Every structure is written in C-alpha cells, then in structure tokens.
PDB file of N, CA and C in Angstrom:
ATOM      1  N   MET A   1      29.022-155.774  45.137  1.00  0.00           N
ATOM      2  CA  MET A   1      29.806-155.845  46.343  1.00  0.00           C
ATOM      3  C   MET A   1      30.875-154.778  46.296  1.00  0.00           C
ATOM      4  N   LYS A   2      30.983-154.016  47.326  1.00  0.00           N
ATOM      5  CA  LYS A   2      31.946-152.936  47.415  1.00  0.00           C
ATOM      6  C   LYS A   2      33.289-153.454  47.908  1.00  0.00           C
ATOM      7  N   THR A   3      34.356-152.971  47.258  1.00  0.00           N
ATOM      8  CA  THR A   3      35.682-153.378  47.665  1.00  0.00           C
ATOM      9  C   THR A   3      36.195-152.420  48.724  1.00  0.00           C
ATOM     10  N   VAL A   4      36.718-152.952  49.747  1.00  0.00           N
ATOM     11  CA  VAL A   4      37.266-152.134  50.823  1.00  0.00           C
ATOM     12  C   VAL A   4      38.775-152.100  50.655  1.00  0.00           C
ATOM     13  N   ARG A   5      39.289-150.894  50.553  1.00  0.00           N
ATOM     14  CA  ARG A   5      40.733-150.738  50.389  1.00  0.00           C
ATOM     15  C   ARG A   5      41.340-150.326  51.717  1.00  0.00           C
ATOM     16  N   SER A   6      42.495-150.801  51.936  1.00  0.00           N
ATOM     17  CA  SER A   6      43.178-150.431  53.173  1.00  0.00           C
ATOM     18  C   SER A   6      43.896-149.105  52.976  1.00  0.00           C
ATOM     19  N   ASP A   7      44.347-148.529  54.056  1.00  0.00           N
ATOM     20  CA  ASP A   7      45.075-147.264  53.997  1.00  0.00           C
ATOM     21  C   ASP A   7      46.358-147.401  53.187  1.00  0.00           C
ATOM     22  N   VAL A   8      46.988-148.543  53.264  1.00  0.00           N
ATOM     23  CA  VAL A   8      48.222-148.769  52.515  1.00  0.00           C
ATOM     24  C   VAL A   8      47.939-148.746  51.016  1.00  0.00           C
ATOM     25  N   GLU A   9      46.865-149.373  50.603  1.00  0.00           N
ATOM     26  CA  GLU A   9      46.515-149.371  49.188  1.00  0.00           C
ATOM     27  C   GLU A   9      46.156-147.971  48.714  1.00  0.00           C
ATOM     28  N   GLU A  10      45.418-147.222  49.524  1.00  0.00           N
ATOM     29  CA  GLU A  10      45.054-145.846  49.175  1.00  0.00           C
ATOM     30  C   GLU A  10      46.294-144.981  49.014  1.00  0.00           C
ATOM     31  N   ASN A  11      47.242-145.106  49.918  1.00  0.00           N
ATOM     32  CA  ASN A  11      48.490-144.336  49.837  1.00  0.00           C
ATOM     33  C   ASN A  11      49.306-144.729  48.614  1.00  0.00           C
ATOM     34  N   ALA A  12      49.320-146.020  48.304  1.00  0.00           N
ATOM     35  CA  ALA A  12      50.058-146.479  47.127  1.00  0.00           C
ATOM     36  C   ALA A  12      49.438-145.914  45.853  1.00  0.00           C
ATOM     37  N   ILE A  13      48.125-145.900  45.775  1.00  0.00           N
ATOM     38  CA  ILE A  13      47.450-145.347  44.603  1.00  0.00           C
ATOM     39  C   ILE A  13      47.720-143.852  44.480  1.00  0.00           C
ATOM     40  N   LYS A  14      47.677-143.122  45.591  1.00  0.00           N
ATOM     41  CA  LYS A  14      47.961-141.684  45.566  1.00  0.00           C
ATOM     42  C   LYS A  14      49.396-141.419  45.117  1.00  0.00           C
ATOM     43  N   ASN A  15      50.335-142.217  45.626  1.00  0.00           N
ATOM     44  CA  ASN A  15      51.738-142.037  45.228  1.00  0.00           C
ATOM     45  C   ASN A  15      51.936-142.338  43.748  1.00  0.00           C
ATOM     46  N   GLU A  16      51.266-143.380  43.264  1.00  0.00           N
ATOM     47  CA  GLU A  16      51.366-143.705  41.837  1.00  0.00           C
ATOM     48  C   GLU A  16      50.801-142.574  40.982  1.00  0.00           C
ATOM     49  N   ASN A  17      49.692-142.007  41.403  1.00  0.00           N
ATOM     50  CA  ASN A  17      49.104-140.887  40.652  1.00  0.00           C
ATOM     51  C   ASN A  17      50.008-139.665  40.676  1.00  0.00           C
ATOM     52  N   LYS A  18      50.638-139.397  41.814  1.00  0.00           N
ATOM     53  CA  LYS A  18      51.577-138.269  41.898  1.00  0.00           C
ATOM     54  C   LYS A  18      52.750-138.479  40.958  1.00  0.00           C
ATOM     55  N   LEU A  19      53.307-139.695  40.959  1.00  0.00           N
ATOM     56  CA  LEU A  19      54.426-139.989  40.064  1.00  0.00           C
ATOM     57  C   LEU A  19      54.007-139.893  38.600  1.00  0.00           C
ATOM     58  N   LEU A  20      52.845-140.408  38.298  1.00  0.00           N
ATOM     59  CA  LEU A  20      52.349-140.344  36.926  1.00  0.00           C
ATOM     60  C   LEU A  20      52.177-138.890  36.481  1.00  0.00           C
ATOM     61  N   ASN A  21      51.602-138.052  37.324  1.00  0.00           N
ATOM     62  CA  ASN A  21      51.446-136.628  36.997  1.00  0.00           C
ATOM     63  C   ASN A  21      52.793-135.941  36.847  1.00  0.00           C
ATOM     64  N   TYR A  22      53.748-136.270  37.721  1.00  0.00           N
ATOM     65  CA  TYR A  22      55.079-135.655  37.647  1.00  0.00           C
ATOM     66  C   TYR A  22      55.744-135.990  36.318  1.00  0.00           C
ATOM     67  N   TYR A  23      55.762-137.276  35.965  1.00  0.00           N
ATOM     68  CA  TYR A  23      56.443-137.672  34.734  1.00  0.00           C
ATOM     69  C   TYR A  23      55.695-137.195  33.489  1.00  0.00           C
ATOM     70  N   THR A  24      54.389-137.081  33.560  1.00  0.00           N
ATOM     71  CA  THR A  24      53.617-136.529  32.442  1.00  0.00           C
ATOM     72  C   THR A  24      53.966-135.063  32.240  1.00  0.00           C
ATOM     73  N   ASP A  25      53.997-134.298  33.333  1.00  0.00           N
ATOM     74  CA  ASP A  25      54.359-132.882  33.237  1.00  0.00           C
ATOM     75  C   ASP A  25      55.786-132.710  32.739  1.00  0.00           C
ATOM     76  N   LYS A  26      56.696-133.545  33.221  1.00  0.00           N
ATOM     77  CA  LYS A  26      58.102-133.465  32.802  1.00  0.00           C
ATOM     78  C   LYS A  26      58.237-133.781  31.314  1.00  0.00           C
ATOM     79  N   ALA A  27      57.544-134.800  30.846  1.00  0.00           N
ATOM     80  CA  ALA A  27      57.599-135.166  29.428  1.00  0.00           C
ATOM     81  C   ALA A  27      57.000-134.064  28.560  1.00  0.00           C
ATOM     82  N   ASN A  28      55.901-133.474  29.008  1.00  0.00           N
ATOM     83  CA  ASN A  28      55.298-132.368  28.252  1.00  0.00           C
ATOM     84  C   ASN A  28      56.238-131.177  28.187  1.00  0.00           C
ATOM     85  N   TYR A  29      56.913-130.863  29.296  1.00  0.00           N
ATOM     86  CA  TYR A  29      57.857-129.746  29.316  1.00  0.00           C
ATOM     87  C   TYR A  29      59.034-130.020  28.384  1.00  0.00           C
ATOM     88  N   ASP A  30      59.577-131.233  28.434  1.00  0.00           N
ATOM     89  CA  ASP A  30      60.700-131.581  27.552  1.00  0.00           C
ATOM     90  C   ASP A  30      60.300-131.513  26.084  1.00  0.00           C
ATOM     91  N   GLN A  31      59.086-131.977  25.779  1.00  0.00           N
ATOM     92  CA  GLN A  31      58.620-131.921  24.399  1.00  0.00           C
ATOM     93  C   GLN A  31      58.432-130.479  23.948  1.00  0.00           C
ATOM     94  N   GLU A  32      57.910-129.634  24.819  1.00  0.00           N
ATOM     95  CA  GLU A  32      57.731-128.221  24.482  1.00  0.00           C
ATOM     96  C   GLU A  32      59.070-127.543  24.231  1.00  0.00           C
ATOM     97  N   GLN A  33      60.075-127.856  25.050  1.00  0.00           N
ATOM     98  CA  GLN A  33      61.401-127.285  24.854  1.00  0.00           C
ATOM     99  C   GLN A  33      62.021-127.747  23.546  1.00  0.00           C
ATOM    100  N   ALA A  34      61.814-129.002  23.187  1.00  0.00           N
ATOM    101  CA  ALA A  34      62.366-129.523  21.936  1.00  0.00           C
ATOM    102  C   ALA A  34      61.688-128.898  20.735  1.00  0.00           C
ATOM    103  N   GLU A  35      60.383-128.621  20.847  1.00  0.00           N
ATOM    104  CA  GLU A  35      59.654-128.033  19.721  1.00  0.00           C
ATOM    105  C   GLU A  35      60.025-126.579  19.502  1.00  0.00           C
ATOM    106  N   THR A  36      60.244-125.836  20.562  1.00  0.00           N
ATOM    107  CA  THR A  36      60.552-124.426  20.407  1.00  0.00           C
ATOM    108  C   THR A  36      61.980-124.206  19.938  1.00  0.00           C
ATOM    109  N   GLY A  37      62.836-125.183  20.125  1.00  0.00           N
ATOM    110  CA  GLY A  37      64.211-125.025  19.697  1.00  0.00           C
ATOM    111  C   GLY A  37      64.974-124.119  20.645  1.00  0.00           C
ATOM    112  N   LYS A  38      66.184-123.820  20.253  1.00  0.00           N
ATOM    113  CA  LYS A  38      67.012-122.973  21.092  1.00  0.00           C
ATOM    114  C   LYS A  38      66.728-121.508  20.777  1.00  0.00           C
ATOM    115  N   ARG A  39      66.572-120.736  21.809  1.00  0.00           N
ATOM    116  CA  ARG A  39      66.399-119.305  21.617  1.00  0.00           C
ATOM    117  C   ARG A  39      67.766-118.681  21.350  1.00  0.00           C
ATOM    118  N   ILE A  40      67.732-117.505  20.753  1.00  0.00           N
ATOM    119  CA  ILE A  40      68.991-116.875  20.342  1.00  0.00           C
ATOM    120  C   ILE A  40      69.858-116.520  21.545  1.00  0.00           C
ATOM    121  N   VAL A  41      69.268-116.254  22.688  1.00  0.00           N
ATOM    122  CA  VAL A  41      70.069-115.910  23.868  1.00  0.00           C
ATOM    123  C   VAL A  41      70.820-117.116  24.401  1.00  0.00           C
ATOM    124  N   HIS A  42      70.420-118.325  24.012  1.00  0.00           N
ATOM    125  CA  HIS A  42      71.091-119.532  24.469  1.00  0.00           C
ATOM    126  C   HIS A  42      72.085-120.074  23.449  1.00  0.00           C
ATOM    127  N   LEU A  43      72.252-119.374  22.333  1.00  0.00           N
ATOM    128  CA  LEU A  43      73.183-119.817  21.306  1.00  0.00           C
ATOM    129  C   LEU A  43      74.563-119.233  21.554  1.00  0.00           C
ATOM    130  N   SER A  44      75.579-119.961  21.146  1.00  0.00           N
ATOM    131  CA  SER A  44      76.939-119.434  21.226  1.00  0.00           C
ATOM    132  C   SER A  44      77.183-118.503  20.041  1.00  0.00           C
ATOM    133  N   LEU A  45      78.263-117.753  20.098  1.00  0.00           N
ATOM    134  CA  LEU A  45      78.585-116.840  18.998  1.00  0.00           C
ATOM    135  C   LEU A  45      78.854-117.606  17.705  1.00  0.00           C
ATOM    136  N   LEU A  46      79.454-118.770  17.827  1.00  0.00           N
ATOM    137  CA  LEU A  46      79.708-119.588  16.637  1.00  0.00           C
ATOM    138  C   LEU A  46      78.396-120.041  16.002  1.00  0.00           C
ATOM    139  N   GLU A  47      77.432-120.477  16.822  1.00  0.00           N
ATOM    140  CA  GLU A  47      76.141-120.896  16.289  1.00  0.00           C
ATOM    141  C   GLU A  47      75.392-119.727  15.661  1.00  0.00           C
ATOM    142  N   ILE A  48      75.500-118.546  16.252  1.00  0.00           N
ATOM    143  CA  ILE A  48      74.855-117.364  15.683  1.00  0.00           C
ATOM    144  C   ILE A  48      75.484-117.026  14.338  1.00  0.00           C
ATOM    145  N   ALA A  49      76.819-117.090  14.261  1.00  0.00           N
ATOM    146  CA  ALA A  49      77.501-116.809  12.997  1.00  0.00           C
ATOM    147  C   ALA A  49      77.110-117.830  11.925  1.00  0.00           C
ATOM    148  N   GLN A  50      77.005-119.099  12.306  1.00  0.00           N
ATOM    149  CA  GLN A  50      76.587-120.123  11.348  1.00  0.00           C
ATOM    150  C   GLN A  50      75.149-119.896  10.890  1.00  0.00           C
ATOM    151  N   ASN A  51      74.281-119.510  11.817  1.00  0.00           N
ATOM    152  CA  ASN A  51      72.891-119.242  11.447  1.00  0.00           C
ATOM    153  C   ASN A  51      72.773-118.026  10.539  1.00  0.00           C
ATOM    154  N   ILE A  52      73.588-117.000  10.784  1.00  0.00           N
ATOM    155  CA  ILE A  52      73.598-115.830   9.907  1.00  0.00           C
ATOM    156  C   ILE A  52      74.036-116.244   8.505  1.00  0.00           C
ATOM    157  N   SER A  53      75.084-117.058   8.437  1.00  0.00           N
ATOM    158  CA  SER A  53      75.583-117.515   7.139  1.00  0.00           C
ATOM    159  C   SER A  53      74.540-118.326   6.391  1.00  0.00           C
ATOM    160  N   THR A  54      73.907-119.281   7.056  1.00  0.00           N
ATOM    161  CA  THR A  54      72.896-120.093   6.377  1.00  0.00           C
ATOM    162  C   THR A  54      71.675-119.268   5.995  1.00  0.00           C
ATOM    163  N   THR A  55      71.337-118.267   6.813  1.00  0.00           N
ATOM    164  CA  THR A  55      70.204-117.401   6.488  1.00  0.00           C
ATOM    165  C   THR A  55      70.491-116.580   5.244  1.00  0.00           C
ATOM    166  N   ILE A  56      71.675-115.996   5.160  1.00  0.00           N
ATOM    167  CA  ILE A  56      72.034-115.178   3.996  1.00  0.00           C
ATOM    168  C   ILE A  56      72.081-116.040   2.733  1.00  0.00           C
ATOM    169  N   ILE A  57      72.630-117.239   2.845  1.00  0.00           N
ATOM    170  CA  ILE A  57      72.685-118.134   1.688  1.00  0.00           C
ATOM    171  C   ILE A  57      71.282-118.531   1.244  1.00  0.00           C
ATOM    172  N   ALA A  58      70.401-118.817   2.203  1.00  0.00           N
ATOM    173  CA  ALA A  58      69.020-119.192   1.854  1.00  0.00           C
ATOM    174  C   ALA A  58      68.291-118.027   1.191  1.00  0.00           C
ATOM    175  N   ILE A  59      68.517-116.813   1.670  1.00  0.00           N
ATOM    176  CA  ILE A  59      67.879-115.635   1.073  1.00  0.00           C
ATOM    177  C   ILE A  59      68.375-115.437  -0.358  1.00  0.00           C
ATOM    178  N   ILE A  60      69.683-115.553  -0.565  1.00  0.00           N
ATOM    179  CA  ILE A  60      70.243-115.391  -1.911  1.00  0.00           C
ATOM    180  C   ILE A  60      69.700-116.466  -2.846  1.00  0.00           C
ATOM    181  N   ASN A  61      69.613-117.705  -2.358  1.00  0.00           N
ATOM    182  CA  ASN A  61      69.070-118.793  -3.190  1.00  0.00           C
ATOM    183  C   ASN A  61      67.623-118.526  -3.579  1.00  0.00           C
ATOM    184  N   GLU A  62      66.839-118.014  -2.643  1.00  0.00           N
ATOM    185  CA  GLU A  62      65.440-117.732  -2.967  1.00  0.00           C
ATOM    186  C   GLU A  62      65.300-116.519  -3.887  1.00  0.00           C
ATOM    187  N   LEU A  63      66.196-115.549  -3.773  1.00  0.00           N
ATOM    188  CA  LEU A  63      66.143-114.393  -4.665  1.00  0.00           C
ATOM    189  C   LEU A  63      66.524-114.767  -6.087  1.00  0.00           C
ATOM    190  N   VAL A  64      67.413-115.732  -6.237  1.00  0.00           N
ATOM    191  CA  VAL A  64      67.860-116.162  -7.556  1.00  0.00           C
ATOM    192  C   VAL A  64      66.879-117.157  -8.173  1.00  0.00           C
ATOM    193  N   ASP A  65      66.122-117.857  -7.356  1.00  0.00           N
ATOM    194  CA  ASP A  65      65.185-118.872  -7.840  1.00  0.00           C
ATOM    195  C   ASP A  65      64.104-118.237  -8.706  1.00  0.00           C
ATOM    196  N   PRO A  66      63.957-118.701  -9.953  1.00  0.00           N
ATOM    197  CA  PRO A  66      62.969-118.077 -10.845  1.00  0.00           C
ATOM    198  C   PRO A  66      61.522-118.439 -10.510  1.00  0.00           C
ATOM    199  N   THR A  67      61.298-119.467  -9.709  1.00  0.00           N
ATOM    200  CA  THR A  67      59.925-119.866  -9.402  1.00  0.00           C
ATOM    201  C   THR A  67      59.309-119.040  -8.272  1.00  0.00           C
ATOM    202  N   VAL A  68      60.131-118.299  -7.538  1.00  0.00           N
ATOM    203  CA  VAL A  68      59.625-117.494  -6.427  1.00  0.00           C
ATOM    204  C   VAL A  68      59.167-116.144  -6.964  1.00  0.00           C
ATOM    205  N   LYS A  69      57.992-115.697  -6.499  1.00  0.00           N
ATOM    206  CA  LYS A  69      57.482-114.391  -6.935  1.00  0.00           C
ATOM    207  C   LYS A  69      58.371-113.286  -6.379  1.00  0.00           C
ATOM    208  N   LYS A  70      58.625-112.286  -7.227  1.00  0.00           N
ATOM    209  CA  LYS A  70      59.502-111.188  -6.820  1.00  0.00           C
ATOM    210  C   LYS A  70      58.734-109.898  -6.569  1.00  0.00           C
ATOM    211  N   ASP A  71      57.424-109.977  -6.345  1.00  0.00           N
ATOM    212  CA  ASP A  71      56.678-108.765  -6.021  1.00  0.00           C
ATOM    213  C   ASP A  71      56.953-108.382  -4.563  1.00  0.00           C
ATOM    214  N   THR A  72      56.324-107.323  -4.099  1.00  0.00           N
ATOM    215  CA  THR A  72      56.601-106.811  -2.757  1.00  0.00           C
ATOM    216  C   THR A  72      56.295-107.849  -1.688  1.00  0.00           C
ATOM    217  N   ASN A  73      55.157-108.501  -1.780  1.00  0.00           N
ATOM    218  CA  ASN A  73      54.805-109.507  -0.787  1.00  0.00           C
ATOM    219  C   ASN A  73      55.749-110.700  -0.834  1.00  0.00           C
ATOM    220  N   GLY A  74      56.162-111.090  -2.030  1.00  0.00           N
ATOM    221  CA  GLY A  74      57.102-112.199  -2.168  1.00  0.00           C
ATOM    222  C   GLY A  74      58.446-111.892  -1.551  1.00  0.00           C
ATOM    223  N   LEU A  75      58.933-110.646  -1.775  1.00  0.00           N
ATOM    224  CA  LEU A  75      60.211-110.254  -1.180  1.00  0.00           C
ATOM    225  C   LEU A  75      60.125-110.176   0.338  1.00  0.00           C
ATOM    226  N   LEU A  76      59.019-109.642   0.846  1.00  0.00           N
ATOM    227  CA  LEU A  76      58.855-109.580   2.302  1.00  0.00           C
ATOM    228  C   LEU A  76      58.799-110.978   2.900  1.00  0.00           C
ATOM    229  N   GLU A  77      58.156-111.881   2.193  1.00  0.00           N
ATOM    230  CA  GLU A  77      58.085-113.262   2.678  1.00  0.00           C
ATOM    231  C   GLU A  77      59.467-113.902   2.696  1.00  0.00           C
ATOM    232  N   ILE A  78      60.276-113.610   1.689  1.00  0.00           N
ATOM    233  CA  ILE A  78      61.629-114.158   1.635  1.00  0.00           C
ATOM    234  C   ILE A  78      62.464-113.646   2.806  1.00  0.00           C
ATOM    235  N   PHE A  79      62.397-112.350   3.084  1.00  0.00           N
ATOM    236  CA  PHE A  79      63.257-111.776   4.116  1.00  0.00           C
ATOM    237  C   PHE A  79      62.753-112.016   5.535  1.00  0.00           C
ATOM    238  N   PHE A  80      61.462-112.235   5.705  1.00  0.00           N
ATOM    239  CA  PHE A  80      60.927-112.343   7.061  1.00  0.00           C
ATOM    240  C   PHE A  80      60.385-113.731   7.385  1.00  0.00           C
ATOM    241  N   LYS A  81      60.797-114.724   6.645  1.00  0.00           N
ATOM    242  CA  LYS A  81      60.336-116.094   6.881  1.00  0.00           C
ATOM    243  C   LYS A  81      61.053-116.672   8.103  1.00  0.00           C
ATOM    244  N   GLY A  82      60.293-117.294   8.995  1.00  0.00           N
ATOM    245  CA  GLY A  82      60.884-117.974  10.149  1.00  0.00           C
ATOM    246  C   GLY A  82      61.633-117.020  11.065  1.00  0.00           C
ATOM    247  N   ASP A  83      62.841-117.404  11.432  1.00  0.00           N
ATOM    248  CA  ASP A  83      63.644-116.566  12.316  1.00  0.00           C
ATOM    249  C   ASP A  83      64.683-115.750  11.548  1.00  0.00           C
ATOM    250  N   ARG A  84      64.433-115.531  10.280  1.00  0.00           N
ATOM    251  CA  ARG A  84      65.377-114.756   9.469  1.00  0.00           C
ATOM    252  C   ARG A  84      65.454-113.305   9.909  1.00  0.00           C
ATOM    253  N   MET A  85      64.369-112.762  10.445  1.00  0.00           N
ATOM    254  CA  MET A  85      64.367-111.351  10.857  1.00  0.00           C
ATOM    255  C   MET A  85      65.464-111.067  11.873  1.00  0.00           C
ATOM    256  N   ILE A  86      65.661-111.987  12.793  1.00  0.00           N
ATOM    257  CA  ILE A  86      66.668-111.794  13.835  1.00  0.00           C
ATOM    258  C   ILE A  86      68.052-111.696  13.202  1.00  0.00           C
ATOM    259  N   TYR A  87      68.354-112.628  12.319  1.00  0.00           N
ATOM    260  CA  TYR A  87      69.689-112.666  11.716  1.00  0.00           C
ATOM    261  C   TYR A  87      69.896-111.537  10.711  1.00  0.00           C
ATOM    262  N   ILE A  88      68.846-111.108  10.037  1.00  0.00           N
ATOM    263  CA  ILE A  88      68.954-109.942   9.158  1.00  0.00           C
ATOM    264  C   ILE A  88      69.232-108.695   9.994  1.00  0.00           C
ATOM    265  N   GLY A  89      68.568-108.589  11.135  1.00  0.00           N
ATOM    266  CA  GLY A  89      68.802-107.449  12.026  1.00  0.00           C
ATOM    267  C   GLY A  89      70.224-107.423  12.562  1.00  0.00           C
ATOM    268  N   ILE A  90      70.730-108.580  12.965  1.00  0.00           N
ATOM    269  CA  ILE A  90      72.117-108.649  13.455  1.00  0.00           C
ATOM    270  C   ILE A  90      73.082-108.277  12.343  1.00  0.00           C
ATOM    271  N   THR A  91      72.827-108.774  11.129  1.00  0.00           N
ATOM    272  CA  THR A  91      73.689-108.446   9.990  1.00  0.00           C
ATOM    273  C   THR A  91      73.644-106.953   9.690  1.00  0.00           C
ATOM    274  N   ALA A  92      72.457-106.361   9.703  1.00  0.00           N
ATOM    275  CA  ALA A  92      72.334-104.919   9.446  1.00  0.00           C
ATOM    276  C   ALA A  92      73.058-104.116  10.522  1.00  0.00           C
ATOM    277  N   LEU A  93      72.977-104.562  11.759  1.00  0.00           N
ATOM    278  CA  LEU A  93      73.675-103.882  12.847  1.00  0.00           C
ATOM    279  C   LEU A  93      75.189-103.961  12.663  1.00  0.00           C
ATOM    280  N   LEU A  94      75.694-105.125  12.281  1.00  0.00           N
ATOM    281  CA  LEU A  94      77.133-105.276  12.059  1.00  0.00           C
ATOM    282  C   LEU A  94      77.611-104.432  10.882  1.00  0.00           C
ATOM    283  N   VAL A  95      76.819-104.379   9.808  1.00  0.00           N
ATOM    284  CA  VAL A  95      77.183-103.552   8.654  1.00  0.00           C
ATOM    285  C   VAL A  95      77.186-102.077   9.050  1.00  0.00           C
ATOM    286  N   ALA A  96      76.190-101.653   9.820  1.00  0.00           N
ATOM    287  CA  ALA A  96      76.122-100.256  10.257  1.00  0.00           C
ATOM    288  C   ALA A  96      77.307 -99.901  11.146  1.00  0.00           C
ATOM    289  N   LEU A  97      77.674-100.787  12.049  1.00  0.00           N
ATOM    290  CA  LEU A  97      78.842-100.532  12.902  1.00  0.00           C
ATOM    291  C   LEU A  97      80.124-100.471  12.073  1.00  0.00           C
ATOM    292  N   GLY A  98      80.230-101.377  11.100  1.00  0.00           N
ATOM    293  CA  GLY A  98      81.414-101.358  10.232  1.00  0.00           C
ATOM    294  C   GLY A  98      81.501-100.061   9.450  1.00  0.00           C
ATOM    295  N   LEU A  99      80.395 -99.612   8.883  1.00  0.00           N
ATOM    296  CA  LEU A  99      80.405 -98.339   8.139  1.00  0.00           C
ATOM    297  C   LEU A  99      80.698 -97.160   9.056  1.00  0.00           C
ATOM    298  N   TYR A 100      80.199 -97.214  10.282  1.00  0.00           N
ATOM    299  CA  TYR A 100      80.457 -96.140  11.229  1.00  0.00           C
ATOM    300  C   TYR A 100      81.953 -96.055  11.562  1.00  0.00           C
ATOM    301  N   PHE A 101      82.571 -97.221  11.815  1.00  0.00           N
ATOM    302  CA  PHE A 101      84.002 -97.220  12.134  1.00  0.00           C
ATOM    303  C   PHE A 101      84.842 -96.791  10.932  1.00  0.00           C
ATOM    304  N   ILE A 102      84.433 -97.164   9.733  1.00  0.00           N
ATOM    305  CA  ILE A 102      85.140 -96.716   8.529  1.00  0.00           C
ATOM    306  C   ILE A 102      85.013 -95.213   8.396  1.00  0.00           C
ATOM    307  N   ASP A 103      83.834 -94.659   8.678  1.00  0.00           N
ATOM    308  CA  ASP A 103      83.613 -93.231   8.550  1.00  0.00           C
ATOM    309  C   ASP A 103      84.420 -92.435   9.550  1.00  0.00           C
ATOM    310  N   ILE A 104      84.488 -92.894  10.803  1.00  0.00           N
ATOM    311  CA  ILE A 104      85.211 -92.091  11.804  1.00  0.00           C
ATOM    312  C   ILE A 104      86.713 -92.251  11.676  1.00  0.00           C
ATOM    313  N   SER A 105      87.176 -93.316  11.039  1.00  0.00           N
ATOM    314  CA  SER A 105      88.616 -93.512  10.927  1.00  0.00           C
ATOM    315  C   SER A 105      89.222 -92.732   9.753  1.00  0.00           C
ATOM    316  N   SER A 106      88.406 -92.262   8.814  1.00  0.00           N
ATOM    317  CA  SER A 106      88.992 -91.559   7.672  1.00  0.00           C
ATOM    318  C   SER A 106      88.835 -90.059   7.793  1.00  0.00           C
TER     319      SER A 106
END
C-alpha cells in the first residue's frame, strides 16, 4: 500500500533536509578550521613571538638530544619539521635586519 503524503508533509521533510544539510556543512567547516589551526596571518605579534621562542627552544633541545641523528637529513628534519620553517625565516629576517642596522650605524 502506497502512502500518500500531503503538501505540508513534503514541505516539512524538505525543510528538515535543508536544515540537516546546513548544520552538517557548518559542523564540517568548523571541524576543518579547528584541525588546520590558526594561520600565521591571524596571529598577534605576541603569539608569533611566543611561537618563535618555543620553536627555537625545541630546535635547541633536539640538537642537544643524543638520540637524534645529526646527519644532513636529520638536521634538515629538525629545522623544517611542522611550521618551524616560518619561524626560522622570521628569525633569520630579524637577525639580518639587526645586522644591517648595526652595520649602517657604525
């Protein structure tokens, strides 16, 4: 026996499906944003400075650790792991600017 649905029931089902799709998409977007973390352009200067500090400390700890391989590939892995490249680049830029200002002032 076939069930006959009224127009009201059909509209209610369509609205429920629209809401379900909306909240599913919203939850997926929120989860994706949480997984990717904050991008560097959205960080404050204080957070960038803290990340630079923790990155440098982590690099020094890994360089001192005797269990880590110190060959070329091991060193590259230490310096370029995760988002360390960004903070190493910022640090190198700041050091270069500091040396430049020291050079032109003397």
